[in-house]
Amino acid sequence: MASRVALKSKGKSVKGAKASEEKSMADCLKEWSTWTMKKAKVITHYGFIPLVIIIGMNSDPKPQLYQLLSPV
């Protein structure tokens, strides 16, 4: 029952310096876009309702906060 685990190397196969540079640039862009979308999702999730309340409070009839939050 002796099983061996084969480990794969995670190193980059370098064909040339330019190919390696383009790959790292693509990886960097992918990481940056993923990070940005995660942050935008959190900001939108927690900021949408307060934004609607602030816009409602600055509207023409000038309602009170409890009038904006009441279901009626």
PDB file of N, CA and C in Angstrom:
ATOM      1  N   MET A   1       0.808  -1.186   0.000  1.00  0.00           N
ATOM      2  CA  MET A   1       0.000   0.000   0.000  1.00  0.00           C
ATOM      3  C   MET A   1       0.856   1.258   0.000  1.00  0.00           C
ATOM      4  N   ALA A   2       2.021   1.126  -0.448  1.00  0.00           N
ATOM      5  CA  ALA A   2       2.891   2.288  -0.506  1.00  0.00           C
ATOM      6  C   ALA A   2       2.616   3.023  -1.810  1.00  0.00           C
ATOM      7  N   SER A   3       1.980   4.164  -1.691  1.00  0.00           N
ATOM      8  CA  SER A   3       1.708   4.952  -2.886  1.00  0.00           C
ATOM      9  C   SER A   3       2.599   6.180  -2.875  1.00  0.00           C
ATOM     10  N   ARG A   4       3.024   6.558  -4.022  1.00  0.00           N
ATOM     11  CA  ARG A   4       3.892   7.725  -4.143  1.00  0.00           C
ATOM     12  C   ARG A   4       3.111   8.848  -4.808  1.00  0.00           C
ATOM     13  N   VAL A   5       3.337  10.019  -4.321  1.00  0.00           N
ATOM     14  CA  VAL A   5       2.687  11.194  -4.879  1.00  0.00           C
ATOM     15  C   VAL A   5       3.690  11.898  -5.776  1.00  0.00           C
ATOM     16  N   ALA A   6       3.311  12.106  -7.009  1.00  0.00           N
ATOM     17  CA  ALA A   6       4.178  12.813  -7.941  1.00  0.00           C
ATOM     18  C   ALA A   6       3.885  14.302  -7.860  1.00  0.00           C
ATOM     19  N   LEU A   7       4.898  15.068  -7.608  1.00  0.00           N
ATOM     20  CA  LEU A   7       4.739  16.511  -7.523  1.00  0.00           C
ATOM     21  C   LEU A   7       5.093  17.137  -8.856  1.00  0.00           C
ATOM     22  N   LYS A   8       4.227  18.010  -9.305  1.00  0.00           N
ATOM     23  CA  LYS A   8       4.479  18.713 -10.550  1.00  0.00           C
ATOM     24  C   LYS A   8       5.178  20.023 -10.224  1.00  0.00           C
ATOM     25  N   SER A   9       6.124  20.358 -11.023  1.00  0.00           N
ATOM     26  CA  SER A   9       6.811  21.628 -10.796  1.00  0.00           C
ATOM     27  C   SER A   9       5.936  22.763 -11.309  1.00  0.00           C
ATOM     28  N   LYS A  10       5.970  23.857 -10.591  1.00  0.00           N
ATOM     29  CA  LYS A  10       5.149  25.007 -10.962  1.00  0.00           C
ATOM     30  C   LYS A  10       5.970  26.070 -11.673  1.00  0.00           C
ATOM     31  N   GLY A  11       7.151  25.741 -12.062  1.00  0.00           N
ATOM     32  CA  GLY A  11       8.010  26.702 -12.735  1.00  0.00           C
ATOM     33  C   GLY A  11       7.526  26.998 -14.146  1.00  0.00           C
ATOM     34  N   LYS A  12       7.900  28.146 -14.646  1.00  0.00           N
ATOM     35  CA  LYS A  12       7.502  28.525 -15.999  1.00  0.00           C
ATOM     36  C   LYS A  12       8.491  27.944 -16.991  1.00  0.00           C
ATOM     37  N   SER A  13       7.966  27.475 -18.078  1.00  0.00           N
ATOM     38  CA  SER A  13       8.853  27.034 -19.145  1.00  0.00           C
ATOM     39  C   SER A  13       9.170  28.265 -19.987  1.00  0.00           C
ATOM     40  N   VAL A  14      10.396  28.638 -19.994  1.00  0.00           N
ATOM     41  CA  VAL A  14      10.807  29.868 -20.656  1.00  0.00           C
ATOM     42  C   VAL A  14      11.292  29.557 -22.060  1.00  0.00           C
ATOM     43  N   LYS A  15      10.560  30.057 -23.040  1.00  0.00           N
ATOM     44  CA  LYS A  15      10.991  29.919 -24.431  1.00  0.00           C
ATOM     45  C   LYS A  15      11.832  31.127 -24.821  1.00  0.00           C
ATOM     46  N   GLY A  16      11.498  32.228 -24.226  1.00  0.00           N
ATOM     47  CA  GLY A  16      12.221  33.461 -24.488  1.00  0.00           C
ATOM     48  C   GLY A  16      11.823  34.472 -23.438  1.00  0.00           C
ATOM     49  N   ALA A  17      12.569  35.496 -23.302  1.00  0.00           N
ATOM     50  CA  ALA A  17      12.282  36.504 -22.278  1.00  0.00           C
ATOM     51  C   ALA A  17      10.973  37.228 -22.569  1.00  0.00           C
ATOM     52  N   LYS A  18      10.660  37.439 -23.833  1.00  0.00           N
ATOM     53  CA  LYS A  18       9.453  38.166 -24.192  1.00  0.00           C
ATOM     54  C   LYS A  18       8.195  37.367 -23.848  1.00  0.00           C
ATOM     55  N   ALA A  19       8.191  36.078 -24.091  1.00  0.00           N
ATOM     56  CA  ALA A  19       7.038  35.241 -23.778  1.00  0.00           C
ATOM     57  C   ALA A  19       6.790  35.224 -22.276  1.00  0.00           C
ATOM     58  N   SER A  20       7.843  35.160 -21.510  1.00  0.00           N
ATOM     59  CA  SER A  20       7.717  35.170 -20.053  1.00  0.00           C
ATOM     60  C   SER A  20       7.164  36.505 -19.581  1.00  0.00           C
ATOM     61  N   GLU A  21       7.614  37.589 -20.185  1.00  0.00           N
ATOM     62  CA  GLU A  21       7.154  38.921 -19.792  1.00  0.00           C
ATOM     63  C   GLU A  21       5.674  39.109 -20.122  1.00  0.00           C
ATOM     64  N   GLU A  22       5.236  38.641 -21.275  1.00  0.00           N
ATOM     65  CA  GLU A  22       3.830  38.767 -21.650  1.00  0.00           C
ATOM     66  C   GLU A  22       2.947  37.943 -20.725  1.00  0.00           C
ATOM     67  N   LYS A  23       3.387  36.784 -20.344  1.00  0.00           N
ATOM     68  CA  LYS A  23       2.604  35.934 -19.465  1.00  0.00           C
ATOM     69  C   LYS A  23       2.463  36.587 -18.095  1.00  0.00           C
ATOM     70  N   SER A  24       3.532  37.135 -17.584  1.00  0.00           N
ATOM     71  CA  SER A  24       3.455  37.770 -16.280  1.00  0.00           C
ATOM     72  C   SER A  24       2.583  39.024 -16.349  1.00  0.00           C
ATOM     73  N   MET A  25       2.610  39.718 -17.452  1.00  0.00           N
ATOM     74  CA  MET A  25       1.770  40.900 -17.619  1.00  0.00           C
ATOM     75  C   MET A  25       0.304  40.493 -17.672  1.00  0.00           C
ATOM     76  N   ALA A  26       0.004  39.395 -18.350  1.00  0.00           N
ATOM     77  CA  ALA A  26      -1.371  38.894 -18.419  1.00  0.00           C
ATOM     78  C   ALA A  26      -1.832  38.424 -17.051  1.00  0.00           C
ATOM     79  N   ASP A  27      -0.957  37.748 -16.318  1.00  0.00           N
ATOM     80  CA  ASP A  27      -1.304  37.316 -14.968  1.00  0.00           C
ATOM     81  C   ASP A  27      -1.546  38.513 -14.057  1.00  0.00           C
ATOM     82  N   CYS A  28      -0.723  39.517 -14.205  1.00  0.00           N
ATOM     83  CA  CYS A  28      -0.877  40.735 -13.403  1.00  0.00           C
ATOM     84  C   CYS A  28      -2.204  41.417 -13.713  1.00  0.00           C
ATOM     85  N   LEU A  29      -2.543  41.495 -14.968  1.00  0.00           N
ATOM     86  CA  LEU A  29      -3.807  42.111 -15.366  1.00  0.00           C
ATOM     87  C   LEU A  29      -4.994  41.304 -14.843  1.00  0.00           C
ATOM     88  N   LYS A  30      -4.895  39.988 -14.894  1.00  0.00           N
ATOM     89  CA  LYS A  30      -5.966  39.126 -14.397  1.00  0.00           C
ATOM     90  C   LYS A  30      -6.144  39.293 -12.892  1.00  0.00           C
ATOM     91  N   GLU A  31      -5.046  39.319 -12.151  1.00  0.00           N
ATOM     92  CA  GLU A  31      -5.117  39.506 -10.705  1.00  0.00           C
ATOM     93  C   GLU A  31      -5.690  40.877 -10.362  1.00  0.00           C
ATOM     94  N   TRP A  32      -5.257  41.896 -11.083  1.00  0.00           N
ATOM     95  CA  TRP A  32      -5.733  43.257 -10.814  1.00  0.00           C
ATOM     96  C   TRP A  32      -7.227  43.368 -11.087  1.00  0.00           C
ATOM     97  N   SER A  33      -7.686  42.794 -12.196  1.00  0.00           N
ATOM     98  CA  SER A  33      -9.109  42.888 -12.522  1.00  0.00           C
ATOM     99  C   SER A  33      -9.950  42.095 -11.523  1.00  0.00           C
ATOM    100  N   THR A  34      -9.461  40.942 -11.087  1.00  0.00           N
ATOM    101  CA  THR A  34     -10.186  40.159 -10.084  1.00  0.00           C
ATOM    102  C   THR A  34     -10.270  40.926  -8.772  1.00  0.00           C
ATOM    103  N   TRP A  35      -9.160  41.508  -8.346  1.00  0.00           N
ATOM    104  CA  TRP A  35      -9.133  42.299  -7.107  1.00  0.00           C
ATOM    105  C   TRP A  35     -10.091  43.486  -7.208  1.00  0.00           C
ATOM    106  N   THR A  36     -10.086  44.172  -8.333  1.00  0.00           N
ATOM    107  CA  THR A  36     -10.949  45.339  -8.531  1.00  0.00           C
ATOM    108  C   THR A  36     -12.423  44.949  -8.496  1.00  0.00           C
ATOM    109  N   MET A  37     -12.775  43.855  -9.147  1.00  0.00           N
ATOM    110  CA  MET A  37     -14.175  43.426  -9.166  1.00  0.00           C
ATOM    111  C   MET A  37     -14.649  43.000  -7.783  1.00  0.00           C
ATOM    112  N   LYS A  38     -13.793  42.362  -7.005  1.00  0.00           N
ATOM    113  CA  LYS A  38     -14.167  41.984  -5.637  1.00  0.00           C
ATOM    114  C   LYS A  38     -14.424  43.222  -4.792  1.00  0.00           C
ATOM    115  N   LYS A  39     -13.557  44.213  -4.906  1.00  0.00           N
ATOM    116  CA  LYS A  39     -13.735  45.451  -4.131  1.00  0.00           C
ATOM    117  C   LYS A  39     -14.986  46.199  -4.586  1.00  0.00           C
ATOM    118  N   ALA A  40     -15.245  46.238  -5.886  1.00  0.00           N
ATOM    119  CA  ALA A  40     -16.437  46.921  -6.403  1.00  0.00           C
ATOM    120  C   ALA A  40     -17.706  46.229  -5.927  1.00  0.00           C
ATOM    121  N   LYS A  41     -17.683  44.905  -5.838  1.00  0.00           N
ATOM    122  CA  LYS A  41     -18.842  44.159  -5.361  1.00  0.00           C
ATOM    123  C   LYS A  41     -19.149  44.501  -3.909  1.00  0.00           C
ATOM    124  N   VAL A  42     -18.122  44.578  -3.073  1.00  0.00           N
ATOM    125  CA  VAL A  42     -18.311  44.908  -1.658  1.00  0.00           C
ATOM    126  C   VAL A  42     -18.816  46.340  -1.505  1.00  0.00           C
ATOM    127  N   ILE A  43     -18.234  47.269  -2.248  1.00  0.00           N
ATOM    128  CA  ILE A  43     -18.653  48.667  -2.167  1.00  0.00           C
ATOM    129  C   ILE A  43     -20.094  48.818  -2.610  1.00  0.00           C
ATOM    130  N   THR A  44     -20.474  48.147  -3.677  1.00  0.00           N
ATOM    131  CA  THR A  44     -21.850  48.215  -4.162  1.00  0.00           C
ATOM    132  C   THR A  44     -22.812  47.580  -3.168  1.00  0.00           C
ATOM    133  N   HIS A  45     -22.399  46.464  -2.596  1.00  0.00           N
ATOM    134  CA  HIS A  45     -23.262  45.746  -1.656  1.00  0.00           C
ATOM    135  C   HIS A  45     -23.581  46.594  -0.430  1.00  0.00           C
ATOM    136  N   TYR A  46     -22.573  47.238   0.146  1.00  0.00           N
ATOM    137  CA  TYR A  46     -22.781  48.001   1.367  1.00  0.00           C
ATOM    138  C   TYR A  46     -23.101  49.475   1.126  1.00  0.00           C
ATOM    139  N   GLY A  47     -22.951  49.966  -0.069  1.00  0.00           N
ATOM    140  CA  GLY A  47     -23.150  51.377  -0.321  1.00  0.00           C
ATOM    141  C   GLY A  47     -24.410  51.749  -1.060  1.00  0.00           C
ATOM    142  N   PHE A  48     -25.134  50.778  -1.613  1.00  0.00           N
ATOM    143  CA  PHE A  48     -26.281  51.105  -2.449  1.00  0.00           C
ATOM    144  C   PHE A  48     -27.434  51.691  -1.636  1.00  0.00           C
ATOM    145  N   ILE A  49     -27.846  51.039  -0.554  1.00  0.00           N
ATOM    146  CA  ILE A  49     -28.980  51.514   0.250  1.00  0.00           C
ATOM    147  C   ILE A  49     -28.675  52.878   0.879  1.00  0.00           C
ATOM    148  N   PRO A  50     -27.494  53.082   1.488  1.00  0.00           N
ATOM    149  CA  PRO A  50     -27.208  54.434   1.999  1.00  0.00           C
ATOM    150  C   PRO A  50     -27.230  55.507   0.904  1.00  0.00           C
ATOM    151  N   LEU A  51     -26.781  55.151  -0.297  1.00  0.00           N
ATOM    152  CA  LEU A  51     -26.824  56.108  -1.404  1.00  0.00           C
ATOM    153  C   LEU A  51     -28.259  56.476  -1.750  1.00  0.00           C
ATOM    154  N   VAL A  52     -29.145  55.479  -1.788  1.00  0.00           N
ATOM    155  CA  VAL A  52     -30.552  55.750  -2.091  1.00  0.00           C
ATOM    156  C   VAL A  52     -31.175  56.618  -0.999  1.00  0.00           C
ATOM    157  N   ILE A  53     -30.840  56.367   0.260  1.00  0.00           N
ATOM    158  CA  ILE A  53     -31.376  57.185   1.357  1.00  0.00           C
ATOM    159  C   ILE A  53     -30.881  58.620   1.261  1.00  0.00           C
ATOM    160  N   ILE A  54     -29.605  58.800   0.966  1.00  0.00           N
ATOM    161  CA  ILE A  54     -29.060  60.163   0.841  1.00  0.00           C
ATOM    162  C   ILE A  54     -29.700  60.903  -0.322  1.00  0.00           C
ATOM    163  N   ILE A  55     -29.876  60.230  -1.453  1.00  0.00           N
ATOM    164  CA  ILE A  55     -30.534  60.868  -2.600  1.00  0.00           C
ATOM    165  C   ILE A  55     -31.976  61.215  -2.256  1.00  0.00           C
ATOM    166  N   GLY A  56     -32.664  60.310  -1.532  1.00  0.00           N
ATOM    167  CA  GLY A  56     -34.041  60.582  -1.130  1.00  0.00           C
ATOM    168  C   GLY A  56     -34.146  61.753  -0.170  1.00  0.00           C
ATOM    169  N   MET A  57     -33.164  61.890   0.718  1.00  0.00           N
ATOM    170  CA  MET A  57     -33.194  63.008   1.679  1.00  0.00           C
ATOM    171  C   MET A  57     -32.906  64.343   0.998  1.00  0.00           C
ATOM    172  N   ASN A  58     -32.210  64.311  -0.119  1.00  0.00           N
ATOM    173  CA  ASN A  58     -31.900  65.548  -0.829  1.00  0.00           C
ATOM    174  C   ASN A  58     -32.920  65.875  -1.908  1.00  0.00           C
ATOM    175  N   SER A  59     -34.028  65.137  -1.960  1.00  0.00           N
ATOM    176  CA  SER A  59     -35.052  65.405  -2.963  1.00  0.00           C
ATOM    177  C   SER A  59     -35.858  66.642  -2.568  1.00  0.00           C
ATOM    178  N   ASP A  60     -36.732  67.055  -3.441  1.00  0.00           N
ATOM    179  CA  ASP A  60     -37.451  68.321  -3.288  1.00  0.00           C
ATOM    180  C   ASP A  60     -38.339  68.412  -2.039  1.00  0.00           C
ATOM    181  N   PRO A  61     -39.171  67.447  -1.670  1.00  0.00           N
ATOM    182  CA  PRO A  61     -40.012  67.621  -0.481  1.00  0.00           C
ATOM    183  C   PRO A  61     -39.252  67.567   0.845  1.00  0.00           C
ATOM    184  N   LYS A  62     -37.991  67.190   0.885  1.00  0.00           N
ATOM    185  CA  LYS A  62     -37.161  67.095   2.085  1.00  0.00           C
ATOM    186  C   LYS A  62     -37.807  66.236   3.174  1.00  0.00           C
ATOM    187  N   PRO A  63     -37.948  64.937   2.945  1.00  0.00           N
ATOM    188  CA  PRO A  63     -38.546  64.061   3.959  1.00  0.00           C
ATOM    189  C   PRO A  63     -37.581  63.825   5.124  1.00  0.00           C
ATOM    190  N   GLN A  64     -38.141  63.439   6.258  1.00  0.00           N
ATOM    191  CA  GLN A  64     -37.333  63.074   7.416  1.00  0.00           C
ATOM    192  C   GLN A  64     -36.822  61.654   7.216  1.00  0.00           C
ATOM    193  N   LEU A  65     -35.816  61.281   7.992  1.00  0.00           N
ATOM    194  CA  LEU A  65     -35.220  59.950   7.871  1.00  0.00           C
ATOM    195  C   LEU A  65     -36.239  58.848   8.167  1.00  0.00           C
ATOM    196  N   TYR A  66     -37.047  59.016   9.202  1.00  0.00           N
ATOM    197  CA  TYR A  66     -38.033  57.977   9.535  1.00  0.00           C
ATOM    198  C   TYR A  66     -39.086  57.842   8.435  1.00  0.00           C
ATOM    199  N   GLN A  67     -39.377  58.908   7.698  1.00  0.00           N
ATOM    200  CA  GLN A  67     -40.324  58.802   6.581  1.00  0.00           C
ATOM    201  C   GLN A  67     -39.723  57.994   5.420  1.00  0.00           C
ATOM    202  N   LEU A  68     -38.408  58.115   5.238  1.00  0.00           N
ATOM    203  CA  LEU A  68     -37.764  57.342   4.175  1.00  0.00           C
ATOM    204  C   LEU A  68     -37.680  55.862   4.541  1.00  0.00           C
ATOM    205  N   LEU A  69     -37.489  55.556   5.819  1.00  0.00           N
ATOM    206  CA  LEU A  69     -37.294  54.177   6.242  1.00  0.00           C
ATOM    207  C   LEU A  69     -38.607  53.448   6.531  1.00  0.00           C
ATOM    208  N   SER A  70     -39.728  54.170   6.683  1.00  0.00           N
ATOM    209  CA  SER A  70     -40.988  53.511   6.975  1.00  0.00           C
ATOM    210  C   SER A  70     -41.529  52.826   5.713  1.00  0.00           C
ATOM    211  N   PRO A  71     -42.188  51.673   5.867  1.00  0.00           N
ATOM    212  CA  PRO A  71     -42.678  50.943   4.701  1.00  0.00           C
ATOM    213  C   PRO A  71     -43.898  51.561   4.042  1.00  0.00           C
ATOM    214  N   VAL A  72     -44.535  52.540   4.672  1.00  0.00           N
ATOM    215  CA  VAL A  72     -45.776  53.125   4.134  1.00  0.00           C
ATOM    216  C   VAL A  72     -45.464  54.232   3.179  1.00  0.00           C
TER     217      VAL A  72
END
